[in-house]
Amino acid sequence: METSSYSMEGEDLILASLFRNADKGNFFDIGSSEPIRNSNTYFFYKKGWRGVAVDGRDLSIEWEKTRPGDRFVQSLLGDSDSGVMDYWIFPDPTMNTVDVDTAVRYASRFSSSDVRQTSVPIQRAYDVYNENCDGKAGSDASPPHLVSIDVEGFEMSVLRGLLEPNPSWRPAILVVEVKLFNFLQPLENGVTDYLINKHCYSLVAKTPLNAFFIDPLNPLFSWLPTSMLKNNQ
């Protein structure tokens, strides 16, 4: 197995282990930022996977040059189509966000001239994937194997817009930036509680930044011990 990681904290190598029985797949990279640096999906692109990448910045030229097999969409994702929203852009693109509280906290680290805002349309996450994924059957594409979400405080809106329109449409793995996480009481975190208790995903791994949730009924994970596939109560 390839051991070179392109993720910030080796998330792609953890995902590669979890996807050991998937030769090819699709991904939905939400808050994708740049096509290679700090990417949770470039490792899989190199293996032949393809998908849809979404970011608030217009990175279409960079994505077309580096990853022409993917579809890049400049947008913000949420739980509905709701016009436009201010998008805060920082010198460190991993900090870009639409969440005002998060933006104000980050802005205190920079001079005002280094922080800018732009207006970006908001679309429902489920619709954006289905409209841009190749090979869809009927009105809906098959769910992606992997969803990577890095949206700096806007996670719940994205997850609702992704999972609630069609409860039977279940990505195999969701890797979500989850901060303020307590290993002894994981359900105190809103994202973890939502995915485990409302959508019956199982939490199977954690880096300092990201949490990994798998669909315990997906046959790709039949190799895992059943104790790992139970809800994390």
C-alpha atoms as a PDB file:
ATOM      1  CA  MET A   1       0.000   0.000   0.000  1.00  0.00           C
ATOM      2  CA  GLU A   2       1.218   3.489  -0.816  1.00  0.00           C
ATOM      3  CA  THR A   3       2.466   5.231   2.332  1.00  0.00           C
ATOM      4  CA  SER A   4       2.788   8.837   1.144  1.00  0.00           C
ATOM      5  CA  SER A   5       0.159  11.016   2.786  1.00  0.00           C
ATOM      6  CA  TYR A   6      -1.234  14.259   1.380  1.00  0.00           C
ATOM      7  CA  SER A   7      -3.551  14.961   4.322  1.00  0.00           C
ATOM      8  CA  MET A   8      -2.799  17.273   7.214  1.00  0.00           C
ATOM      9  CA  GLU A   9      -2.647  14.495   9.808  1.00  0.00           C
ATOM     10  CA  GLY A  10      -2.435  11.292   7.775  1.00  0.00           C
ATOM     11  CA  GLU A  11      -6.194  10.975   7.378  1.00  0.00           C
ATOM     12  CA  ASP A  12      -5.848   9.513   3.871  1.00  0.00           C
ATOM     13  CA  LEU A  13      -3.758   6.611   5.191  1.00  0.00           C
ATOM     14  CA  ILE A  14      -6.373   5.822   7.845  1.00  0.00           C
ATOM     15  CA  LEU A  15      -9.009   5.939   5.125  1.00  0.00           C
ATOM     16  CA  ALA A  16      -6.903   3.680   2.897  1.00  0.00           C
ATOM     17  CA  SER A  17      -6.849   1.097   5.675  1.00  0.00           C
ATOM     18  CA  LEU A  18     -10.606   1.319   6.164  1.00  0.00           C
ATOM     19  CA  PHE A  19     -11.165   1.075   2.392  1.00  0.00           C
ATOM     20  CA  ARG A  20      -8.869  -1.917   1.985  1.00  0.00           C
ATOM     21  CA  ASN A  21     -11.633  -3.844   0.176  1.00  0.00           C
ATOM     22  CA  ALA A  22     -12.557  -1.045  -2.249  1.00  0.00           C
ATOM     23  CA  ASP A  23     -10.509  -0.981  -5.441  1.00  0.00           C
ATOM     24  CA  LYS A  24     -12.216   2.073  -6.946  1.00  0.00           C
ATOM     25  CA  GLY A  25     -14.612   4.588  -5.534  1.00  0.00           C
ATOM     26  CA  ASN A  26     -16.046   8.081  -5.524  1.00  0.00           C
ATOM     27  CA  PHE A  27     -15.665  10.974  -3.110  1.00  0.00           C
ATOM     28  CA  PHE A  28     -17.317  14.253  -2.187  1.00  0.00           C
ATOM     29  CA  ASP A  29     -14.727  16.732  -0.905  1.00  0.00           C
ATOM     30  CA  ILE A  30     -16.553  19.557   0.894  1.00  0.00           C
ATOM     31  CA  GLY A  31     -14.324  22.489   1.811  1.00  0.00           C
ATOM     32  CA  SER A  32     -11.741  20.918  -0.445  1.00  0.00           C
ATOM     33  CA  SER A  33      -9.349  23.859  -0.667  1.00  0.00           C
ATOM     34  CA  GLU A  34      -6.332  23.104  -2.862  1.00  0.00           C
ATOM     35  CA  PRO A  35      -6.176  19.932  -4.976  1.00  0.00           C
ATOM     36  CA  ILE A  36      -3.063  18.366  -3.415  1.00  0.00           C
ATOM     37  CA  ARG A  37      -1.851  20.139  -0.271  1.00  0.00           C
ATOM     38  CA  ASN A  38      -3.668  19.041   2.903  1.00  0.00           C
ATOM     39  CA  SER A  39      -6.086  16.989   0.802  1.00  0.00           C
ATOM     40  CA  ASN A  40      -7.943  13.970   2.172  1.00  0.00           C
ATOM     41  CA  THR A  41      -8.847  12.832  -1.356  1.00  0.00           C
ATOM     42  CA  TYR A  42      -5.755  13.255  -3.563  1.00  0.00           C
ATOM     43  CA  PHE A  43      -4.351   9.906  -2.382  1.00  0.00           C
ATOM     44  CA  PHE A  44      -7.491   8.257  -3.770  1.00  0.00           C
ATOM     45  CA  TYR A  45      -7.495  10.337  -6.953  1.00  0.00           C
ATOM     46  CA  LYS A  46      -4.053   8.909  -7.719  1.00  0.00           C
ATOM     47  CA  LYS A  47      -5.529   5.413  -7.256  1.00  0.00           C
ATOM     48  CA  GLY A  48      -8.196   6.102  -9.862  1.00  0.00           C
ATOM     49  CA  TRP A  49     -11.031   7.351  -7.682  1.00  0.00           C
ATOM     50  CA  ARG A  50     -13.021  10.342  -8.913  1.00  0.00           C
ATOM     51  CA  GLY A  51     -15.408  12.796  -7.347  1.00  0.00           C
ATOM     52  CA  VAL A  52     -16.805  16.237  -6.729  1.00  0.00           C
ATOM     53  CA  ALA A  53     -14.866  18.953  -4.897  1.00  0.00           C
ATOM     54  CA  VAL A  54     -16.509  22.073  -3.464  1.00  0.00           C
ATOM     55  CA  ASP A  55     -14.926  25.178  -2.012  1.00  0.00           C
ATOM     56  CA  GLY A  56     -15.890  28.802  -1.423  1.00  0.00           C
ATOM     57  CA  ARG A  57     -12.848  30.040  -3.322  1.00  0.00           C
ATOM     58  CA  ASP A  58     -12.681  29.792  -7.088  1.00  0.00           C
ATOM     59  CA  LEU A  59      -9.987  27.145  -7.505  1.00  0.00           C
ATOM     60  CA  SER A  60     -11.315  25.793 -10.782  1.00  0.00           C
ATOM     61  CA  ILE A  61      -8.100  26.465 -12.725  1.00  0.00           C
ATOM     62  CA  GLU A  62      -5.940  24.699 -10.130  1.00  0.00           C
ATOM     63  CA  TRP A  63      -8.273  21.694 -10.012  1.00  0.00           C
ATOM     64  CA  GLU A  64      -8.600  21.427 -13.780  1.00  0.00           C
ATOM     65  CA  LYS A  65      -4.815  21.523 -14.151  1.00  0.00           C
ATOM     66  CA  THR A  66      -4.025  19.047 -11.372  1.00  0.00           C
ATOM     67  CA  ARG A  67      -7.103  16.822 -11.144  1.00  0.00           C
ATOM     68  CA  PRO A  68      -8.970  17.022 -14.457  1.00  0.00           C
ATOM     69  CA  GLY A  69     -10.942  13.880 -13.675  1.00  0.00           C
ATOM     70  CA  ASP A  70     -12.783  15.597 -10.825  1.00  0.00           C
ATOM     71  CA  ARG A  71     -15.602  18.134 -10.969  1.00  0.00           C
ATOM     72  CA  PHE A  72     -14.880  21.351  -9.050  1.00  0.00           C
ATOM     73  CA  VAL A  73     -17.754  23.548  -7.870  1.00  0.00           C
ATOM     74  CA  GLN A  74     -17.352  26.974  -6.319  1.00  0.00           C
ATOM     75  CA  SER A  75     -20.104  27.124  -3.731  1.00  0.00           C
ATOM     76  CA  LEU A  76     -20.938  26.943  -0.056  1.00  0.00           C
ATOM     77  CA  LEU A  77     -22.976  23.957   1.057  1.00  0.00           C
ATOM     78  CA  GLY A  78     -25.730  23.811   3.646  1.00  0.00           C
ATOM     79  CA  ASP A  79     -29.144  22.341   4.328  1.00  0.00           C
ATOM     80  CA  SER A  80     -30.994  24.403   1.717  1.00  0.00           C
ATOM     81  CA  ASP A  81     -30.575  26.673  -1.279  1.00  0.00           C
ATOM     82  CA  SER A  82     -30.509  29.962   0.580  1.00  0.00           C
ATOM     83  CA  GLY A  83     -29.120  32.723  -1.584  1.00  0.00           C
ATOM     84  CA  VAL A  84     -25.612  33.916  -0.783  1.00  0.00           C
ATOM     85  CA  MET A  85     -23.546  34.122   2.361  1.00  0.00           C
ATOM     86  CA  ASP A  86     -20.405  35.995   3.362  1.00  0.00           C
ATOM     87  CA  TYR A  87     -17.311  33.816   3.112  1.00  0.00           C
ATOM     88  CA  TRP A  88     -14.268  34.830   5.156  1.00  0.00           C
ATOM     89  CA  ILE A  89     -10.897  34.218   3.508  1.00  0.00           C
ATOM     90  CA  PHE A  90      -7.691  34.090   5.564  1.00  0.00           C
ATOM     91  CA  PRO A  91      -3.985  33.826   4.658  1.00  0.00           C
ATOM     92  CA  ASP A  92      -4.198  30.203   5.806  1.00  0.00           C
ATOM     93  CA  PRO A  93      -6.889  28.682   3.535  1.00  0.00           C
ATOM     94  CA  THR A  94      -7.629  25.910   6.040  1.00  0.00           C
ATOM     95  CA  MET A  95      -9.248  28.610   8.206  1.00  0.00           C
ATOM     96  CA  ASN A  96     -11.705  29.944   5.604  1.00  0.00           C
ATOM     97  CA  THR A  97     -15.264  29.839   6.929  1.00  0.00           C
ATOM     98  CA  VAL A  98     -18.825  31.156   6.772  1.00  0.00           C
ATOM     99  CA  ASP A  99     -19.375  30.766  10.499  1.00  0.00           C
ATOM    100  CA  VAL A 100     -19.296  34.278  11.955  1.00  0.00           C
ATOM    101  CA  ASP A 101     -18.122  33.311  15.451  1.00  0.00           C
ATOM    102  CA  THR A 102     -15.319  31.207  14.006  1.00  0.00           C
ATOM    103  CA  ALA A 103     -14.374  33.965  11.564  1.00  0.00           C
ATOM    104  CA  VAL A 104     -14.183  36.605  14.286  1.00  0.00           C
ATOM    105  CA  ARG A 105     -11.985  34.336  16.395  1.00  0.00           C
ATOM    106  CA  TYR A 106      -9.640  33.633  13.487  1.00  0.00           C
ATOM    107  CA  ALA A 107      -9.566  37.271  12.350  1.00  0.00           C
ATOM    108  CA  SER A 108      -8.021  38.299  15.672  1.00  0.00           C
ATOM    109  CA  ARG A 109      -4.854  36.470  14.597  1.00  0.00           C
ATOM    110  CA  PHE A 110      -4.292  38.614  11.497  1.00  0.00           C
ATOM    111  CA  SER A 111      -4.195  42.239  10.486  1.00  0.00           C
ATOM    112  CA  SER A 112      -7.407  43.521   8.895  1.00  0.00           C
ATOM    113  CA  SER A 113      -5.675  43.881   5.522  1.00  0.00           C
ATOM    114  CA  ASP A 114      -4.988  40.137   5.475  1.00  0.00           C
ATOM    115  CA  VAL A 115      -8.649  39.147   5.916  1.00  0.00           C
ATOM    116  CA  ARG A 116     -11.260  39.564   3.223  1.00  0.00           C
ATOM    117  CA  GLN A 117     -14.876  38.640   2.625  1.00  0.00           C
ATOM    118  CA  THR A 118     -16.726  37.609  -0.488  1.00  0.00           C
ATOM    119  CA  SER A 119     -20.303  36.556  -1.210  1.00  0.00           C
ATOM    120  CA  VAL A 120     -20.766  32.947  -2.356  1.00  0.00           C
ATOM    121  CA  PRO A 121     -24.007  31.083  -3.175  1.00  0.00           C
ATOM    122  CA  ILE A 122     -25.250  28.440  -0.734  1.00  0.00           C
ATOM    123  CA  GLN A 123     -26.665  25.176  -2.106  1.00  0.00           C
ATOM    124  CA  ARG A 124     -27.977  22.018  -0.501  1.00  0.00           C
ATOM    125  CA  ALA A 125     -25.151  19.506  -0.214  1.00  0.00           C
ATOM    126  CA  TYR A 126     -27.140  16.494  -1.453  1.00  0.00           C
ATOM    127  CA  ASP A 127     -28.216  18.324  -4.604  1.00  0.00           C
ATOM    128  CA  VAL A 128     -24.722  19.519  -5.490  1.00  0.00           C
ATOM    129  CA  TYR A 129     -23.320  15.995  -5.420  1.00  0.00           C
ATOM    130  CA  ASN A 130     -26.150  14.555  -7.480  1.00  0.00           C
ATOM    131  CA  GLU A 131     -25.947  17.343 -10.051  1.00  0.00           C
ATOM    132  CA  ASN A 132     -22.199  16.991 -10.546  1.00  0.00           C
ATOM    133  CA  CYS A 133     -21.400  13.314 -10.077  1.00  0.00           C
ATOM    134  CA  ASP A 134     -20.989  11.328 -13.277  1.00  0.00           C
ATOM    135  CA  GLY A 135     -22.806   8.073 -13.784  1.00  0.00           C
ATOM    136  CA  LYS A 136     -25.911   8.830 -11.764  1.00  0.00           C
ATOM    137  CA  ALA A 137     -28.808   6.404 -12.099  1.00  0.00           C
ATOM    138  CA  GLY A 138     -32.237   7.980 -12.421  1.00  0.00           C
ATOM    139  CA  SER A 139     -32.504  11.198 -10.445  1.00  0.00           C
ATOM    140  CA  ASP A 140     -29.943  10.291  -7.778  1.00  0.00           C
ATOM    141  CA  ALA A 141     -26.323   9.227  -7.984  1.00  0.00           C
ATOM    142  CA  SER A 142     -25.156   6.355  -5.850  1.00  0.00           C
ATOM    143  CA  PRO A 143     -23.781   7.725  -2.588  1.00  0.00           C
ATOM    144  CA  PRO A 144     -20.033   8.391  -2.579  1.00  0.00           C
ATOM    145  CA  HIS A 145     -17.734   6.016  -0.783  1.00  0.00           C
ATOM    146  CA  LEU A 146     -16.051   8.917   0.988  1.00  0.00           C
ATOM    147  CA  VAL A 147     -17.260  12.323   2.142  1.00  0.00           C
ATOM    148  CA  SER A 148     -14.650  14.695   3.560  1.00  0.00           C
ATOM    149  CA  ILE A 149     -15.991  17.768   5.361  1.00  0.00           C
ATOM    150  CA  ASP A 150     -13.834  20.711   6.453  1.00  0.00           C
ATOM    151  CA  VAL A 151     -16.064  23.765   6.833  1.00  0.00           C
ATOM    152  CA  GLU A 152     -14.846  25.452  10.034  1.00  0.00           C
ATOM    153  CA  GLY A 153     -17.940  25.586  12.210  1.00  0.00           C
ATOM    154  CA  PHE A 154     -20.629  24.953   9.552  1.00  0.00           C
ATOM    155  CA  GLU A 155     -20.564  21.149   9.855  1.00  0.00           C
ATOM    156  CA  MET A 156     -24.106  20.606  11.110  1.00  0.00           C
ATOM    157  CA  SER A 157     -25.734  22.544   8.284  1.00  0.00           C
ATOM    158  CA  VAL A 158     -23.671  20.646   5.704  1.00  0.00           C
ATOM    159  CA  LEU A 159     -24.491  17.266   7.277  1.00  0.00           C
ATOM    160  CA  ARG A 160     -28.210  18.002   7.410  1.00  0.00           C
ATOM    161  CA  GLY A 161     -28.165  19.047   3.760  1.00  0.00           C
ATOM    162  CA  LEU A 162     -26.252  15.909   2.840  1.00  0.00           C
ATOM    163  CA  LEU A 163     -28.029  13.169   4.805  1.00  0.00           C
ATOM    164  CA  GLU A 164     -31.586  14.288   5.513  1.00  0.00           C
ATOM    165  CA  PRO A 165     -33.011  14.677   1.980  1.00  0.00           C
ATOM    166  CA  ASN A 166     -32.764  10.905   1.429  1.00  0.00           C
ATOM    167  CA  PRO A 167     -32.167   8.795   4.587  1.00  0.00           C
ATOM    168  CA  SER A 168     -31.447   5.680   2.521  1.00  0.00           C
ATOM    169  CA  TRP A 169     -28.603   7.490   0.689  1.00  0.00           C
ATOM    170  CA  ARG A 170     -25.637   6.635   2.932  1.00  0.00           C
ATOM    171  CA  PRO A 171     -21.983   7.405   2.140  1.00  0.00           C
ATOM    172  CA  ALA A 172     -19.691   4.633   3.354  1.00  0.00           C
ATOM    173  CA  ILE A 173     -17.381   6.925   5.350  1.00  0.00           C
ATOM    174  CA  LEU A 174     -17.681  10.486   6.559  1.00  0.00           C
ATOM    175  CA  VAL A 175     -14.508  12.158   7.777  1.00  0.00           C
ATOM    176  CA  VAL A 176     -15.450  15.397   9.522  1.00  0.00           C
ATOM    177  CA  GLU A 177     -13.391  18.027  11.265  1.00  0.00           C
ATOM    178  CA  VAL A 178     -14.517  17.669  14.870  1.00  0.00           C
ATOM    179  CA  LYS A 179     -12.946  19.900  17.474  1.00  0.00           C
ATOM    180  CA  LEU A 180     -13.690  20.181  21.214  1.00  0.00           C
ATOM    181  CA  PHE A 181     -13.891  16.401  21.353  1.00  0.00           C
ATOM    182  CA  ASN A 182     -13.781  14.396  24.590  1.00  0.00           C
ATOM    183  CA  PHE A 183     -12.795  10.757  24.125  1.00  0.00           C
ATOM    184  CA  LEU A 184     -14.487   9.795  27.391  1.00  0.00           C
ATOM    185  CA  GLN A 185     -17.758  11.467  26.394  1.00  0.00           C
ATOM    186  CA  PRO A 186     -17.847  11.577  22.582  1.00  0.00           C
ATOM    187  CA  LEU A 187     -21.580  12.234  22.371  1.00  0.00           C
ATOM    188  CA  GLU A 188     -21.134  15.613  24.018  1.00  0.00           C
ATOM    189  CA  ASN A 189     -19.976  16.809  20.597  1.00  0.00           C
ATOM    190  CA  GLY A 190     -22.897  17.846  18.370  1.00  0.00           C
ATOM    191  CA  VAL A 191     -21.515  16.328  15.157  1.00  0.00           C
ATOM    192  CA  THR A 192     -20.750  13.007  16.818  1.00  0.00           C
ATOM    193  CA  ASP A 193     -24.126  12.849  18.538  1.00  0.00           C
ATOM    194  CA  TYR A 194     -25.927  13.685  15.285  1.00  0.00           C
ATOM    195  CA  LEU A 195     -24.165  11.067  13.173  1.00  0.00           C
ATOM    196  CA  ILE A 196     -24.343   8.306  15.761  1.00  0.00           C
ATOM    197  CA  ASN A 197     -27.806   8.786  17.238  1.00  0.00           C
ATOM    198  CA  LYS A 198     -29.722  10.169  14.245  1.00  0.00           C
ATOM    199  CA  HIS A 199     -28.016   8.392  11.344  1.00  0.00           C
ATOM    200  CA  CYS A 200     -26.567   5.295  13.038  1.00  0.00           C
ATOM    201  CA  TYR A 201     -22.968   5.785  11.934  1.00  0.00           C
ATOM    202  CA  SER A 202     -20.134   4.331  14.016  1.00  0.00           C
ATOM    203  CA  LEU A 203     -17.141   6.356  15.180  1.00  0.00           C
ATOM    204  CA  VAL A 204     -14.050   4.254  14.469  1.00  0.00           C
ATOM    205  CA  ALA A 205     -11.049   6.622  14.468  1.00  0.00           C
ATOM    206  CA  LYS A 206      -9.950  10.124  15.455  1.00  0.00           C
ATOM    207  CA  THR A 207      -7.012  12.390  14.699  1.00  0.00           C
ATOM    208  CA  PRO A 208      -6.539  15.654  16.615  1.00  0.00           C
ATOM    209  CA  LEU A 209      -8.683  17.402  13.984  1.00  0.00           C
ATOM    210  CA  ASN A 210     -10.889  14.810  12.294  1.00  0.00           C
ATOM    211  CA  ALA A 211     -13.315  12.056  13.251  1.00  0.00           C
ATOM    212  CA  PHE A 212     -14.067   9.027  11.065  1.00  0.00           C
ATOM    213  CA  PHE A 213     -17.601   7.655  10.889  1.00  0.00           C
ATOM    214  CA  ILE A 214     -18.499   4.497   8.936  1.00  0.00           C
ATOM    215  CA  ASP A 215     -21.819   3.011   7.889  1.00  0.00           C
ATOM    216  CA  PRO A 216     -21.787  -0.226   9.956  1.00  0.00           C
ATOM    217  CA  LEU A 217     -24.139  -1.967   7.495  1.00  0.00           C
ATOM    218  CA  ASN A 218     -21.894  -1.379   4.483  1.00  0.00           C
ATOM    219  CA  PRO A 219     -20.335  -4.724   3.421  1.00  0.00           C
ATOM    220  CA  LEU A 220     -17.005  -2.979   2.786  1.00  0.00           C
ATOM    221  CA  PHE A 221     -16.476  -3.078   6.544  1.00  0.00           C
ATOM    222  CA  SER A 222     -17.468  -6.658   7.257  1.00  0.00           C
ATOM    223  CA  TRP A 223     -13.836  -7.342   8.144  1.00  0.00           C
ATOM    224  CA  LEU A 224     -14.043  -5.077  11.201  1.00  0.00           C
ATOM    225  CA  PRO A 225     -14.844  -6.585  14.624  1.00  0.00           C
ATOM    226  CA  THR A 226     -18.548  -6.275  15.366  1.00  0.00           C
ATOM    227  CA  SER A 227     -17.728  -4.461  18.622  1.00  0.00           C
ATOM    228  CA  MET A 228     -16.389  -1.555  16.549  1.00  0.00           C
ATOM    229  CA  LEU A 229     -19.582  -1.323  14.518  1.00  0.00           C
ATOM    230  CA  LYS A 230     -21.935  -0.767  17.428  1.00  0.00           C
ATOM    231  CA  ASN A 231     -23.160   2.729  18.173  1.00  0.00           C
ATOM    232  CA  ASN A 232     -20.797   4.605  20.462  1.00  0.00           C
ATOM    233  CA  GLN A 233     -22.936   5.063  23.557  1.00  0.00           C
END
